[in-house]
Amino acid sequence: MAAIVPAVCKATAAVIFLHGLGDTGHGWAQALAAIRTPHVKYICPHAPVMPVTLNMGMAMPSWFDIIGLRLDEEEDERGIKRAAESIRALIQQEEKSGIPSHRIVLGGFSQGGALSLYSALTERRTLAGVVALSCWLPLSNSLSQPLMGCNKDMPVLQCHGEADPVVPPILGSLAVEKLKAMLNPSNITFKTYPGIPHSACPEEMMDIKEFIEKLLPPIHH
């Protein structure tokens, strides 16, 4: 299930936004409702509950298992790929409801941001772009450089708080370097926010609003 902010008029575009570890889609649905664009539908799915190694095996909402957040840490490859498949199913669902994939922005915060990047980079359909907040790029060594196919010119907005103690900003910078090697580098924007911990700030939300409005303009008939 998902928390959904419906469009004010007929939806001609969608944002699929993935929450972070231990969270649900509700908080982000509220945050996105505050910066909504009238013709865009915002879908904030809830991750399944599973044991997470990083949190001593406690069960919580999580898109995949996180073993640790060090650079050389082992990753839950099967879990990440399975989660990316579930995101693909959501994109397909929107296509069936009449919103083409090139009018869909994928986004997420922290673990959700990591999954949105991985899903977009392995997606065979054209996407409008990606908003990746306070995150890293999972399975980065398995991704081909440069990216072939329909998403090589995909715009990406990556944001990170400079005082993030949870996902160190260096992981965000490394993700951006990898993205620039895979995609058209002129379409990659990396914004950092001084003094901001592992959370979003009003300035960042306005940057996201602007980015989404630029990628998903209204369709005039």
N, C-alpha and C. Protein backbone atom coordinates (compact mmCIF):
# COMPACT_ATOMS: atom_id res chain seq x y z
N MET A 1 0.85 -1.20 0.00
CA MET A 1 0.00 0.00 0.00
C MET A 1 0.88 1.25 0.00
N ALA A 2 0.23 2.39 -0.30
CA ALA A 2 1.00 3.63 -0.40
C ALA A 2 0.18 4.79 0.15
N ALA A 3 0.87 5.81 0.63
CA ALA A 3 0.22 7.08 0.96
C ALA A 3 0.22 7.89 -0.33
N ILE A 4 -0.94 8.40 -0.74
CA ILE A 4 -1.03 9.07 -2.04
C ILE A 4 -1.56 10.50 -1.87
N VAL A 5 -0.86 11.45 -2.49
CA VAL A 5 -1.36 12.82 -2.57
C VAL A 5 -1.93 12.95 -3.98
N PRO A 6 -3.26 12.93 -4.12
CA PRO A 6 -3.82 12.97 -5.48
C PRO A 6 -3.61 14.33 -6.13
N ALA A 7 -3.64 14.34 -7.46
CA ALA A 7 -3.50 15.60 -8.19
C ALA A 7 -4.77 16.43 -7.98
N VAL A 8 -4.62 17.75 -8.07
CA VAL A 8 -5.76 18.65 -7.90
C VAL A 8 -6.66 18.56 -9.14
N CYS A 9 -6.02 18.49 -10.30
CA CYS A 9 -6.77 18.29 -11.54
C CYS A 9 -6.40 16.88 -12.04
N LYS A 10 -6.75 16.52 -13.27
CA LYS A 10 -6.42 15.17 -13.75
C LYS A 10 -4.91 14.98 -13.75
N ALA A 11 -4.45 13.91 -13.13
CA ALA A 11 -2.99 13.67 -13.05
C ALA A 11 -2.44 13.33 -14.44
N THR A 12 -1.42 14.10 -14.86
CA THR A 12 -0.75 13.79 -16.13
C THR A 12 0.70 13.42 -15.87
N ALA A 13 1.08 13.37 -14.58
CA ALA A 13 2.46 13.03 -14.21
C ALA A 13 2.43 12.48 -12.79
N ALA A 14 3.52 11.77 -12.42
CA ALA A 14 3.56 11.19 -11.07
C ALA A 14 4.97 11.27 -10.50
N VAL A 15 5.04 11.36 -9.17
CA VAL A 15 6.30 11.24 -8.44
C VAL A 15 6.13 10.02 -7.53
N ILE A 16 7.03 9.05 -7.65
CA ILE A 16 7.03 7.89 -6.75
C ILE A 16 8.19 8.12 -5.79
N PHE A 17 7.87 8.32 -4.51
CA PHE A 17 8.90 8.72 -3.54
C PHE A 17 9.02 7.68 -2.42
N LEU A 18 10.24 7.22 -2.17
CA LEU A 18 10.49 6.12 -1.24
C LEU A 18 11.09 6.62 0.07
N HIS A 19 10.46 6.28 1.17
CA HIS A 19 10.92 6.73 2.50
C HIS A 19 12.20 6.02 2.94
N GLY A 20 12.75 6.48 4.05
CA GLY A 20 13.97 5.89 4.61
C GLY A 20 13.68 4.74 5.56
N LEU A 21 14.73 4.13 6.06
CA LEU A 21 14.67 2.97 6.96
C LEU A 21 13.83 3.27 8.20
N GLY A 22 12.91 2.34 8.52
CA GLY A 22 12.14 2.46 9.76
C GLY A 22 10.98 3.45 9.69
N ASP A 23 10.75 4.02 8.51
CA ASP A 23 9.73 5.05 8.35
C ASP A 23 8.54 4.46 7.58
N THR A 24 7.56 5.31 7.23
CA THR A 24 6.48 4.91 6.32
C THR A 24 6.33 6.03 5.29
N GLY A 25 5.44 5.83 4.35
CA GLY A 25 5.25 6.85 3.32
C GLY A 25 4.48 8.08 3.79
N HIS A 26 3.84 8.01 4.97
CA HIS A 26 2.95 9.10 5.39
C HIS A 26 3.65 10.44 5.57
N GLY A 27 4.81 10.44 6.24
CA GLY A 27 5.52 11.70 6.49
C GLY A 27 5.92 12.39 5.20
N TRP A 28 6.41 11.59 4.25
CA TRP A 28 6.83 12.18 2.98
C TRP A 28 5.63 12.62 2.15
N ALA A 29 4.50 11.93 2.28
CA ALA A 29 3.29 12.37 1.56
C ALA A 29 2.90 13.76 2.04
N GLN A 30 3.02 13.99 3.35
CA GLN A 30 2.71 15.32 3.91
C GLN A 30 3.69 16.37 3.42
N ALA A 31 4.98 16.01 3.43
CA ALA A 31 6.02 16.97 3.00
C ALA A 31 5.84 17.33 1.52
N LEU A 32 5.48 16.33 0.70
CA LEU A 32 5.31 16.58 -0.73
C LEU A 32 4.01 17.33 -1.01
N ALA A 33 2.99 17.10 -0.17
CA ALA A 33 1.72 17.83 -0.33
C ALA A 33 1.96 19.33 -0.18
N ALA A 34 2.95 19.69 0.64
CA ALA A 34 3.25 21.11 0.88
C ALA A 34 3.93 21.77 -0.33
N ILE A 35 4.52 20.97 -1.22
CA ILE A 35 5.18 21.56 -2.40
C ILE A 35 4.54 21.03 -3.69
N ARG A 36 3.31 20.56 -3.58
CA ARG A 36 2.67 19.86 -4.70
C ARG A 36 2.51 20.75 -5.93
N THR A 37 2.47 20.12 -7.08
CA THR A 37 2.16 20.74 -8.36
C THR A 37 0.80 20.17 -8.76
N PRO A 38 -0.18 21.01 -9.18
CA PRO A 38 -1.57 20.56 -9.31
C PRO A 38 -1.82 19.30 -10.14
N HIS A 39 -1.07 19.12 -11.25
CA HIS A 39 -1.37 17.99 -12.15
C HIS A 39 -0.54 16.74 -11.84
N VAL A 40 0.22 16.80 -10.73
CA VAL A 40 1.10 15.67 -10.39
C VAL A 40 0.52 14.89 -9.20
N LYS A 41 0.55 13.56 -9.34
CA LYS A 41 0.12 12.66 -8.26
C LYS A 41 1.40 12.20 -7.55
N TYR A 42 1.40 12.22 -6.22
CA TYR A 42 2.58 11.80 -5.45
C TYR A 42 2.26 10.48 -4.75
N ILE A 43 3.07 9.47 -5.02
CA ILE A 43 2.83 8.13 -4.47
C ILE A 43 3.99 7.81 -3.52
N CYS A 44 3.65 7.54 -2.27
CA CYS A 44 4.69 7.26 -1.27
C CYS A 44 4.46 5.87 -0.68
N PRO A 45 4.97 4.83 -1.34
CA PRO A 45 4.72 3.46 -0.87
C PRO A 45 5.38 3.18 0.48
N HIS A 46 4.84 2.19 1.19
CA HIS A 46 5.42 1.76 2.47
C HIS A 46 6.30 0.54 2.22
N ALA A 47 7.49 0.53 2.78
CA ALA A 47 8.38 -0.62 2.64
C ALA A 47 7.86 -1.79 3.47
N PRO A 48 8.19 -3.03 3.06
CA PRO A 48 7.81 -4.18 3.89
C PRO A 48 8.61 -4.20 5.20
N VAL A 49 8.08 -4.87 6.21
CA VAL A 49 8.80 -4.98 7.50
C VAL A 49 9.71 -6.20 7.44
N MET A 50 10.99 -6.00 7.80
CA MET A 50 11.95 -7.12 7.78
C MET A 50 13.06 -6.87 8.81
N PRO A 51 13.76 -7.94 9.23
CA PRO A 51 14.88 -7.75 10.15
C PRO A 51 16.02 -7.01 9.44
N VAL A 52 16.64 -6.06 10.14
CA VAL A 52 17.73 -5.26 9.55
C VAL A 52 19.02 -5.49 10.34
N THR A 53 20.03 -6.02 9.65
CA THR A 53 21.31 -6.36 10.30
C THR A 53 21.92 -5.15 11.01
N LEU A 54 21.90 -3.98 10.34
CA LEU A 54 22.49 -2.75 10.89
C LEU A 54 21.87 -2.41 12.25
N ASN A 55 20.59 -2.73 12.44
CA ASN A 55 19.90 -2.44 13.71
C ASN A 55 19.73 -3.71 14.54
N MET A 56 20.80 -4.48 14.61
CA MET A 56 20.86 -5.69 15.45
C MET A 56 19.73 -6.67 15.16
N GLY A 57 19.34 -6.76 13.89
CA GLY A 57 18.33 -7.74 13.49
C GLY A 57 16.91 -7.38 13.85
N MET A 58 16.69 -6.15 14.35
CA MET A 58 15.32 -5.74 14.67
C MET A 58 14.50 -5.61 13.40
N ALA A 59 13.23 -6.02 13.47
CA ALA A 59 12.34 -5.90 12.30
C ALA A 59 11.77 -4.50 12.23
N MET A 60 11.80 -3.91 11.05
CA MET A 60 11.28 -2.56 10.82
C MET A 60 11.02 -2.37 9.34
N PRO A 61 10.27 -1.32 8.97
CA PRO A 61 10.07 -1.09 7.53
C PRO A 61 11.43 -0.84 6.85
N SER A 62 11.71 -1.64 5.83
CA SER A 62 13.00 -1.55 5.15
C SER A 62 12.84 -2.08 3.73
N TRP A 63 13.44 -1.39 2.77
CA TRP A 63 13.33 -1.82 1.37
C TRP A 63 14.20 -3.04 1.11
N PHE A 64 15.34 -3.13 1.84
CA PHE A 64 16.26 -4.27 1.73
C PHE A 64 17.09 -4.28 2.99
N ASP A 65 17.85 -5.34 3.22
CA ASP A 65 18.68 -5.40 4.43
C ASP A 65 19.88 -4.46 4.28
N ILE A 66 20.23 -3.78 5.36
CA ILE A 66 21.45 -2.96 5.37
C ILE A 66 22.40 -3.61 6.37
N ILE A 67 23.57 -4.00 5.87
CA ILE A 67 24.54 -4.67 6.75
C ILE A 67 25.36 -3.60 7.48
N GLY A 68 25.71 -2.55 6.76
CA GLY A 68 26.43 -1.43 7.36
C GLY A 68 26.54 -0.31 6.35
N LEU A 69 27.08 0.84 6.78
CA LEU A 69 27.19 1.97 5.85
C LEU A 69 28.64 2.40 5.65
N ARG A 70 29.55 1.42 5.71
CA ARG A 70 30.95 1.76 5.40
C ARG A 70 31.17 1.53 3.91
N LEU A 71 32.21 2.12 3.38
CA LEU A 71 32.47 2.03 1.94
C LEU A 71 32.65 0.60 1.44
N ASP A 72 33.29 -0.24 2.25
CA ASP A 72 33.63 -1.58 1.78
C ASP A 72 32.64 -2.63 2.31
N GLU A 73 31.47 -2.15 2.77
CA GLU A 73 30.52 -3.06 3.42
C GLU A 73 29.85 -4.00 2.42
N GLU A 74 29.60 -5.22 2.89
CA GLU A 74 28.85 -6.18 2.07
C GLU A 74 27.43 -5.65 1.86
N GLU A 75 26.83 -5.95 0.70
CA GLU A 75 25.48 -5.45 0.42
C GLU A 75 24.50 -6.59 0.17
N ASP A 76 23.23 -6.31 0.44
CA ASP A 76 22.17 -7.29 0.26
C ASP A 76 21.72 -7.28 -1.22
N GLU A 77 22.55 -7.86 -2.07
CA GLU A 77 22.29 -7.77 -3.51
C GLU A 77 20.91 -8.31 -3.91
N ARG A 78 20.56 -9.49 -3.39
CA ARG A 78 19.26 -10.07 -3.74
C ARG A 78 18.10 -9.17 -3.30
N GLY A 79 18.24 -8.65 -2.09
CA GLY A 79 17.19 -7.78 -1.54
C GLY A 79 17.04 -6.49 -2.33
N ILE A 80 18.17 -5.90 -2.74
CA ILE A 80 18.15 -4.64 -3.50
C ILE A 80 17.48 -4.88 -4.86
N LYS A 81 17.86 -5.98 -5.51
CA LYS A 81 17.29 -6.28 -6.83
C LYS A 81 15.80 -6.59 -6.74
N ARG A 82 15.42 -7.28 -5.67
CA ARG A 82 14.00 -7.60 -5.47
C ARG A 82 13.20 -6.31 -5.23
N ALA A 83 13.78 -5.41 -4.43
CA ALA A 83 13.11 -4.13 -4.14
C ALA A 83 12.96 -3.32 -5.43
N ALA A 84 13.99 -3.33 -6.28
CA ALA A 84 13.93 -2.58 -7.55
C ALA A 84 12.81 -3.13 -8.44
N GLU A 85 12.60 -4.45 -8.38
CA GLU A 85 11.50 -5.05 -9.15
C GLU A 85 10.14 -4.53 -8.65
N SER A 86 10.02 -4.36 -7.34
CA SER A 86 8.73 -3.88 -6.80
C SER A 86 8.49 -2.42 -7.22
N ILE A 87 9.57 -1.65 -7.38
CA ILE A 87 9.43 -0.26 -7.85
C ILE A 87 9.04 -0.26 -9.34
N ARG A 88 9.62 -1.18 -10.09
CA ARG A 88 9.24 -1.31 -11.51
C ARG A 88 7.75 -1.62 -11.65
N ALA A 89 7.25 -2.47 -10.75
CA ALA A 89 5.82 -2.82 -10.78
C ALA A 89 4.96 -1.58 -10.53
N LEU A 90 5.43 -0.69 -9.65
CA LEU A 90 4.69 0.56 -9.38
C LEU A 90 4.67 1.45 -10.62
N ILE A 91 5.80 1.52 -11.32
CA ILE A 91 5.88 2.33 -12.54
C ILE A 91 4.89 1.78 -13.57
N GLN A 92 4.88 0.45 -13.70
CA GLN A 92 3.95 -0.21 -14.65
C GLN A 92 2.50 0.10 -14.31
N GLN A 93 2.21 0.08 -13.01
CA GLN A 93 0.85 0.37 -12.54
C GLN A 93 0.42 1.77 -12.97
N GLU A 94 1.34 2.74 -12.84
CA GLU A 94 1.02 4.12 -13.25
C GLU A 94 0.84 4.21 -14.76
N GLU A 95 1.65 3.45 -15.50
CA GLU A 95 1.51 3.44 -16.96
C GLU A 95 0.12 2.93 -17.35
N LYS A 96 -0.32 1.87 -16.65
CA LYS A 96 -1.65 1.31 -16.93
C LYS A 96 -2.75 2.33 -16.63
N SER A 97 -2.50 3.18 -15.63
CA SER A 97 -3.52 4.18 -15.29
C SER A 97 -3.44 5.40 -16.21
N GLY A 98 -2.50 5.37 -17.19
CA GLY A 98 -2.48 6.43 -18.20
C GLY A 98 -1.34 7.44 -18.08
N ILE A 99 -0.43 7.23 -17.12
CA ILE A 99 0.71 8.15 -16.99
C ILE A 99 1.94 7.48 -17.58
N PRO A 100 2.47 8.00 -18.70
CA PRO A 100 3.62 7.34 -19.33
C PRO A 100 4.88 7.45 -18.46
N SER A 101 5.79 6.49 -18.60
CA SER A 101 6.98 6.46 -17.73
C SER A 101 7.81 7.74 -17.84
N HIS A 102 7.82 8.38 -19.02
CA HIS A 102 8.65 9.60 -19.16
C HIS A 102 8.03 10.81 -18.46
N ARG A 103 6.85 10.58 -17.82
CA ARG A 103 6.24 11.62 -16.99
C ARG A 103 6.25 11.19 -15.52
N ILE A 104 7.18 10.28 -15.18
CA ILE A 104 7.31 9.80 -13.80
C ILE A 104 8.70 10.14 -13.27
N VAL A 105 8.73 10.80 -12.11
CA VAL A 105 9.99 11.06 -11.40
C VAL A 105 10.07 10.06 -10.25
N LEU A 106 11.22 9.40 -10.12
CA LEU A 106 11.47 8.52 -8.97
C LEU A 106 12.25 9.31 -7.95
N GLY A 107 11.95 9.10 -6.69
CA GLY A 107 12.70 9.83 -5.67
C GLY A 107 12.74 9.05 -4.37
N GLY A 108 13.54 9.54 -3.43
CA GLY A 108 13.59 8.88 -2.14
C GLY A 108 14.56 9.54 -1.20
N PHE A 109 14.41 9.19 0.08
CA PHE A 109 15.28 9.72 1.14
C PHE A 109 16.06 8.57 1.77
N SER A 110 17.36 8.75 1.95
CA SER A 110 18.22 7.78 2.63
C SER A 110 18.16 6.41 1.93
N GLN A 111 17.70 5.36 2.62
CA GLN A 111 17.62 4.05 1.96
C GLN A 111 16.69 4.12 0.74
N GLY A 112 15.61 4.90 0.84
CA GLY A 112 14.69 5.07 -0.28
C GLY A 112 15.34 5.80 -1.45
N GLY A 113 16.21 6.76 -1.13
CA GLY A 113 16.95 7.48 -2.19
C GLY A 113 17.92 6.54 -2.90
N ALA A 114 18.58 5.69 -2.11
CA ALA A 114 19.51 4.71 -2.66
C ALA A 114 18.76 3.78 -3.62
N LEU A 115 17.58 3.32 -3.20
CA LEU A 115 16.80 2.41 -4.05
C LEU A 115 16.28 3.13 -5.29
N SER A 116 15.91 4.41 -5.16
CA SER A 116 15.39 5.13 -6.33
C SER A 116 16.51 5.28 -7.38
N LEU A 117 17.74 5.54 -6.93
CA LEU A 117 18.86 5.65 -7.88
C LEU A 117 19.10 4.31 -8.57
N TYR A 118 19.21 3.25 -7.77
CA TYR A 118 19.49 1.93 -8.35
C TYR A 118 18.37 1.51 -9.32
N SER A 119 17.11 1.74 -8.92
CA SER A 119 15.97 1.36 -9.77
C SER A 119 16.00 2.12 -11.09
N ALA A 120 16.29 3.42 -11.02
CA ALA A 120 16.30 4.25 -12.23
C ALA A 120 17.43 3.83 -13.17
N LEU A 121 18.59 3.51 -12.60
CA LEU A 121 19.75 3.15 -13.42
C LEU A 121 19.61 1.77 -14.06
N THR A 122 18.68 0.97 -13.55
CA THR A 122 18.48 -0.38 -14.12
C THR A 122 17.12 -0.48 -14.82
N GLU A 123 16.45 0.65 -15.00
CA GLU A 123 15.12 0.67 -15.61
C GLU A 123 15.22 0.70 -17.13
N ARG A 124 14.39 -0.11 -17.79
CA ARG A 124 14.43 -0.14 -19.27
C ARG A 124 13.52 0.89 -19.92
N ARG A 125 12.60 1.44 -19.14
CA ARG A 125 11.73 2.49 -19.70
C ARG A 125 12.28 3.86 -19.37
N THR A 126 11.98 4.84 -20.22
CA THR A 126 12.47 6.21 -20.00
C THR A 126 11.75 6.82 -18.81
N LEU A 127 12.52 7.39 -17.88
CA LEU A 127 11.94 8.10 -16.74
C LEU A 127 12.21 9.60 -16.89
N ALA A 128 11.39 10.42 -16.20
CA ALA A 128 11.58 11.88 -16.28
C ALA A 128 12.83 12.32 -15.52
N GLY A 129 13.15 11.62 -14.43
CA GLY A 129 14.31 12.01 -13.62
C GLY A 129 14.26 11.37 -12.24
N VAL A 130 15.26 11.73 -11.43
CA VAL A 130 15.38 11.16 -10.08
C VAL A 130 15.72 12.26 -9.07
N VAL A 131 15.10 12.18 -7.90
CA VAL A 131 15.43 13.05 -6.77
C VAL A 131 15.97 12.15 -5.67
N ALA A 132 17.26 12.26 -5.36
CA ALA A 132 17.89 11.35 -4.39
C ALA A 132 18.41 12.16 -3.20
N LEU A 133 17.82 11.94 -2.02
CA LEU A 133 18.15 12.76 -0.85
C LEU A 133 18.93 11.96 0.19
N SER A 134 20.02 12.55 0.69
CA SER A 134 20.79 11.99 1.82
C SER A 134 21.06 10.50 1.65
N CYS A 135 21.61 10.12 0.49
CA CYS A 135 21.73 8.68 0.22
C CYS A 135 23.06 8.31 -0.44
N TRP A 136 23.16 7.04 -0.76
CA TRP A 136 24.35 6.48 -1.41
C TRP A 136 23.87 5.72 -2.64
N LEU A 137 24.80 5.20 -3.42
CA LEU A 137 24.43 4.41 -4.61
C LEU A 137 24.72 2.94 -4.32
N PRO A 138 23.68 2.11 -4.18
CA PRO A 138 23.91 0.70 -3.86
C PRO A 138 24.44 -0.08 -5.07
N LEU A 139 25.17 -1.15 -4.80
CA LEU A 139 25.70 -2.06 -5.83
C LEU A 139 26.40 -1.29 -6.96
N SER A 140 27.11 -0.21 -6.58
CA SER A 140 27.66 0.67 -7.62
C SER A 140 28.68 -0.04 -8.52
N ASN A 141 29.38 -1.05 -7.99
CA ASN A 141 30.37 -1.75 -8.82
C ASN A 141 29.74 -2.62 -9.89
N SER A 142 28.43 -2.95 -9.71
CA SER A 142 27.80 -3.83 -10.69
C SER A 142 27.15 -3.04 -11.82
N LEU A 143 27.15 -1.71 -11.71
CA LEU A 143 26.46 -0.89 -12.72
C LEU A 143 27.41 -0.53 -13.85
N SER A 144 26.90 -0.61 -15.08
CA SER A 144 27.79 -0.42 -16.23
C SER A 144 28.06 1.06 -16.49
N GLN A 145 29.29 1.34 -16.87
CA GLN A 145 29.66 2.71 -17.21
C GLN A 145 30.08 2.76 -18.67
N PRO A 146 29.69 3.73 -19.47
CA PRO A 146 28.54 4.58 -19.20
C PRO A 146 27.24 3.81 -19.44
N LEU A 147 26.15 4.39 -18.96
CA LEU A 147 24.86 3.72 -19.09
C LEU A 147 24.41 3.75 -20.54
N MET A 148 24.01 2.60 -21.06
CA MET A 148 23.44 2.56 -22.40
C MET A 148 21.92 2.62 -22.25
N GLY A 149 21.22 2.90 -23.32
CA GLY A 149 19.77 2.81 -23.26
C GLY A 149 19.11 4.16 -23.04
N CYS A 150 17.82 4.10 -22.70
CA CYS A 150 16.97 5.29 -22.78
C CYS A 150 17.21 6.30 -21.66
N ASN A 151 17.83 5.92 -20.56
CA ASN A 151 17.95 6.86 -19.43
C ASN A 151 19.32 7.52 -19.30
N LYS A 152 20.14 7.46 -20.36
CA LYS A 152 21.49 8.02 -20.21
C LYS A 152 21.49 9.55 -20.07
N ASP A 153 20.39 10.20 -20.51
CA ASP A 153 20.29 11.66 -20.36
C ASP A 153 19.36 12.06 -19.22
N MET A 154 19.07 11.11 -18.34
CA MET A 154 18.12 11.36 -17.25
C MET A 154 18.65 12.41 -16.26
N PRO A 155 17.88 13.46 -15.96
CA PRO A 155 18.31 14.43 -14.96
C PRO A 155 18.23 13.84 -13.55
N VAL A 156 19.24 14.15 -12.73
CA VAL A 156 19.25 13.69 -11.34
C VAL A 156 19.54 14.89 -10.43
N LEU A 157 18.71 15.05 -9.41
CA LEU A 157 18.98 16.03 -8.37
C LEU A 157 19.35 15.25 -7.12
N GLN A 158 20.59 15.42 -6.67
CA GLN A 158 21.00 14.74 -5.44
C GLN A 158 21.28 15.79 -4.38
N CYS A 159 20.72 15.58 -3.19
CA CYS A 159 20.85 16.55 -2.10
C CYS A 159 21.39 15.85 -0.86
N HIS A 160 22.17 16.59 -0.06
CA HIS A 160 22.75 15.98 1.15
C HIS A 160 23.03 17.06 2.19
N GLY A 161 22.64 16.78 3.43
CA GLY A 161 23.00 17.70 4.53
C GLY A 161 24.48 17.55 4.86
N GLU A 162 25.18 18.66 5.00
CA GLU A 162 26.64 18.60 5.24
C GLU A 162 26.98 18.07 6.63
N ALA A 163 25.99 18.08 7.55
CA ALA A 163 26.26 17.59 8.92
C ALA A 163 25.57 16.25 9.16
N ASP A 164 25.42 15.44 8.11
CA ASP A 164 24.71 14.16 8.22
C ASP A 164 25.59 13.13 8.93
N PRO A 165 25.18 12.68 10.15
CA PRO A 165 25.99 11.70 10.88
C PRO A 165 25.63 10.25 10.51
N VAL A 166 24.51 10.07 9.78
CA VAL A 166 24.01 8.72 9.48
C VAL A 166 24.55 8.22 8.15
N VAL A 167 24.32 8.99 7.09
CA VAL A 167 24.88 8.67 5.77
C VAL A 167 25.90 9.76 5.49
N PRO A 168 27.19 9.49 5.71
CA PRO A 168 28.20 10.54 5.56
C PRO A 168 28.14 11.19 4.17
N PRO A 169 28.26 12.53 4.11
CA PRO A 169 28.20 13.23 2.83
C PRO A 169 29.16 12.67 1.78
N ILE A 170 30.27 12.06 2.21
CA ILE A 170 31.22 11.48 1.24
C ILE A 170 30.53 10.40 0.41
N LEU A 171 29.57 9.67 1.00
CA LEU A 171 28.85 8.64 0.23
C LEU A 171 27.98 9.28 -0.85
N GLY A 172 27.44 10.47 -0.55
CA GLY A 172 26.68 11.22 -1.54
C GLY A 172 27.59 11.68 -2.67
N SER A 173 28.76 12.21 -2.30
CA SER A 173 29.72 12.69 -3.32
C SER A 173 30.19 11.56 -4.22
N LEU A 174 30.46 10.39 -3.64
CA LEU A 174 30.92 9.24 -4.43
C LEU A 174 29.81 8.78 -5.39
N ALA A 175 28.56 8.83 -4.92
CA ALA A 175 27.44 8.46 -5.78
C ALA A 175 27.37 9.40 -6.99
N VAL A 176 27.57 10.71 -6.73
CA VAL A 176 27.52 11.70 -7.80
C VAL A 176 28.63 11.46 -8.82
N GLU A 177 29.84 11.14 -8.34
CA GLU A 177 30.96 10.85 -9.26
C GLU A 177 30.61 9.68 -10.17
N LYS A 178 30.03 8.64 -9.58
CA LYS A 178 29.64 7.45 -10.34
C LYS A 178 28.54 7.79 -11.36
N LEU A 179 27.57 8.60 -10.91
CA LEU A 179 26.48 9.00 -11.81
C LEU A 179 27.03 9.79 -13.00
N LYS A 180 28.01 10.66 -12.72
CA LYS A 180 28.58 11.48 -13.79
C LYS A 180 29.32 10.62 -14.81
N ALA A 181 29.85 9.48 -14.34
CA ALA A 181 30.54 8.56 -15.26
C ALA A 181 29.53 7.74 -16.07
N MET A 182 28.34 7.53 -15.50
CA MET A 182 27.33 6.69 -16.15
C MET A 182 26.38 7.47 -17.06
N LEU A 183 26.02 8.68 -16.61
CA LEU A 183 25.00 9.47 -17.30
C LEU A 183 25.64 10.72 -17.90
N ASN A 184 24.81 11.50 -18.60
CA ASN A 184 25.28 12.79 -19.12
C ASN A 184 25.58 13.70 -17.92
N PRO A 185 26.87 14.02 -17.68
CA PRO A 185 27.23 14.75 -16.44
C PRO A 185 26.55 16.11 -16.31
N SER A 186 26.18 16.72 -17.44
CA SER A 186 25.58 18.06 -17.35
C SER A 186 24.15 17.99 -16.78
N ASN A 187 23.59 16.77 -16.67
CA ASN A 187 22.24 16.63 -16.11
C ASN A 187 22.24 16.24 -14.63
N ILE A 188 23.44 16.17 -14.03
CA ILE A 188 23.54 15.77 -12.61
C ILE A 188 23.76 17.01 -11.76
N THR A 189 22.87 17.23 -10.79
CA THR A 189 23.00 18.37 -9.89
C THR A 189 23.20 17.83 -8.47
N PHE A 190 24.23 18.30 -7.78
CA PHE A 190 24.49 17.87 -6.39
C PHE A 190 24.43 19.11 -5.50
N LYS A 191 23.47 19.14 -4.57
CA LYS A 191 23.34 20.29 -3.68
C LYS A 191 23.58 19.84 -2.24
N THR A 192 24.39 20.60 -1.52
CA THR A 192 24.60 20.28 -0.10
C THR A 192 24.11 21.46 0.74
N TYR A 193 23.71 21.15 1.96
CA TYR A 193 23.10 22.15 2.83
C TYR A 193 23.88 22.23 4.15
N PRO A 194 24.55 23.36 4.40
CA PRO A 194 25.39 23.50 5.60
C PRO A 194 24.58 23.32 6.89
N GLY A 195 25.17 22.58 7.83
CA GLY A 195 24.55 22.44 9.16
C GLY A 195 23.35 21.51 9.22
N ILE A 196 22.97 20.92 8.09
CA ILE A 196 21.76 20.07 8.08
C ILE A 196 22.16 18.62 8.36
N PRO A 197 21.51 17.97 9.37
CA PRO A 197 21.82 16.58 9.69
C PRO A 197 21.14 15.62 8.71
N HIS A 198 20.73 14.43 9.17
CA HIS A 198 20.12 13.43 8.30
C HIS A 198 18.63 13.72 8.18
N SER A 199 18.31 14.82 7.49
CA SER A 199 16.90 15.21 7.31
C SER A 199 16.83 16.21 6.17
N ALA A 200 15.61 16.54 5.77
CA ALA A 200 15.44 17.54 4.71
C ALA A 200 15.23 18.90 5.37
N CYS A 201 15.49 19.98 4.64
CA CYS A 201 15.28 21.32 5.17
C CYS A 201 14.41 22.10 4.17
N PRO A 202 13.81 23.23 4.59
CA PRO A 202 12.92 23.98 3.70
C PRO A 202 13.58 24.38 2.37
N GLU A 203 14.84 24.79 2.42
CA GLU A 203 15.55 25.19 1.20
C GLU A 203 15.62 24.01 0.21
N GLU A 204 15.91 22.83 0.78
CA GLU A 204 15.99 21.61 -0.03
C GLU A 204 14.63 21.28 -0.65
N MET A 205 13.56 21.42 0.14
CA MET A 205 12.22 21.14 -0.38
C MET A 205 11.87 22.07 -1.55
N MET A 206 12.32 23.33 -1.46
CA MET A 206 12.06 24.27 -2.57
C MET A 206 12.88 23.87 -3.80
N ASP A 207 14.09 23.39 -3.59
CA ASP A 207 14.91 22.91 -4.72
C ASP A 207 14.24 21.72 -5.40
N ILE A 208 13.64 20.84 -4.58
CA ILE A 208 12.95 19.65 -5.11
C ILE A 208 11.73 20.09 -5.91
N LYS A 209 10.98 21.04 -5.36
CA LYS A 209 9.77 21.56 -6.02
C LYS A 209 10.12 22.10 -7.41
N GLU A 210 11.17 22.92 -7.46
CA GLU A 210 11.61 23.53 -8.72
C GLU A 210 12.01 22.48 -9.75
N PHE A 211 12.77 21.49 -9.26
CA PHE A 211 13.27 20.40 -10.13
C PHE A 211 12.09 19.61 -10.71
N ILE A 212 11.12 19.26 -9.85
CA ILE A 212 9.96 18.49 -10.31
C ILE A 212 9.14 19.30 -11.31
N GLU A 213 8.95 20.60 -11.02
CA GLU A 213 8.14 21.44 -11.92
C GLU A 213 8.79 21.59 -13.29
N LYS A 214 10.13 21.61 -13.29
CA LYS A 214 10.84 21.73 -14.56
C LYS A 214 10.72 20.43 -15.39
N LEU A 215 10.79 19.28 -14.70
CA LEU A 215 10.74 17.99 -15.40
C LEU A 215 9.33 17.57 -15.78
N LEU A 216 8.34 18.01 -15.01
CA LEU A 216 6.96 17.56 -15.24
C LEU A 216 6.04 18.78 -15.48
N PRO A 217 6.26 19.52 -16.56
CA PRO A 217 5.40 20.68 -16.82
C PRO A 217 3.98 20.23 -17.15
N PRO A 218 2.99 21.13 -16.98
CA PRO A 218 1.62 20.74 -17.35
C PRO A 218 1.53 20.47 -18.85
N ILE A 219 0.62 19.61 -19.23
CA ILE A 219 0.40 19.34 -20.66
C ILE A 219 -0.78 20.21 -21.10
N HIS A 220 -0.54 21.07 -22.05
CA HIS A 220 -1.62 21.92 -22.56
C HIS A 220 -2.22 21.31 -23.81
N HIS A 221 -3.51 21.05 -23.75
CA HIS A 221 -4.17 20.45 -24.93
C HIS A 221 -4.66 21.55 -25.83
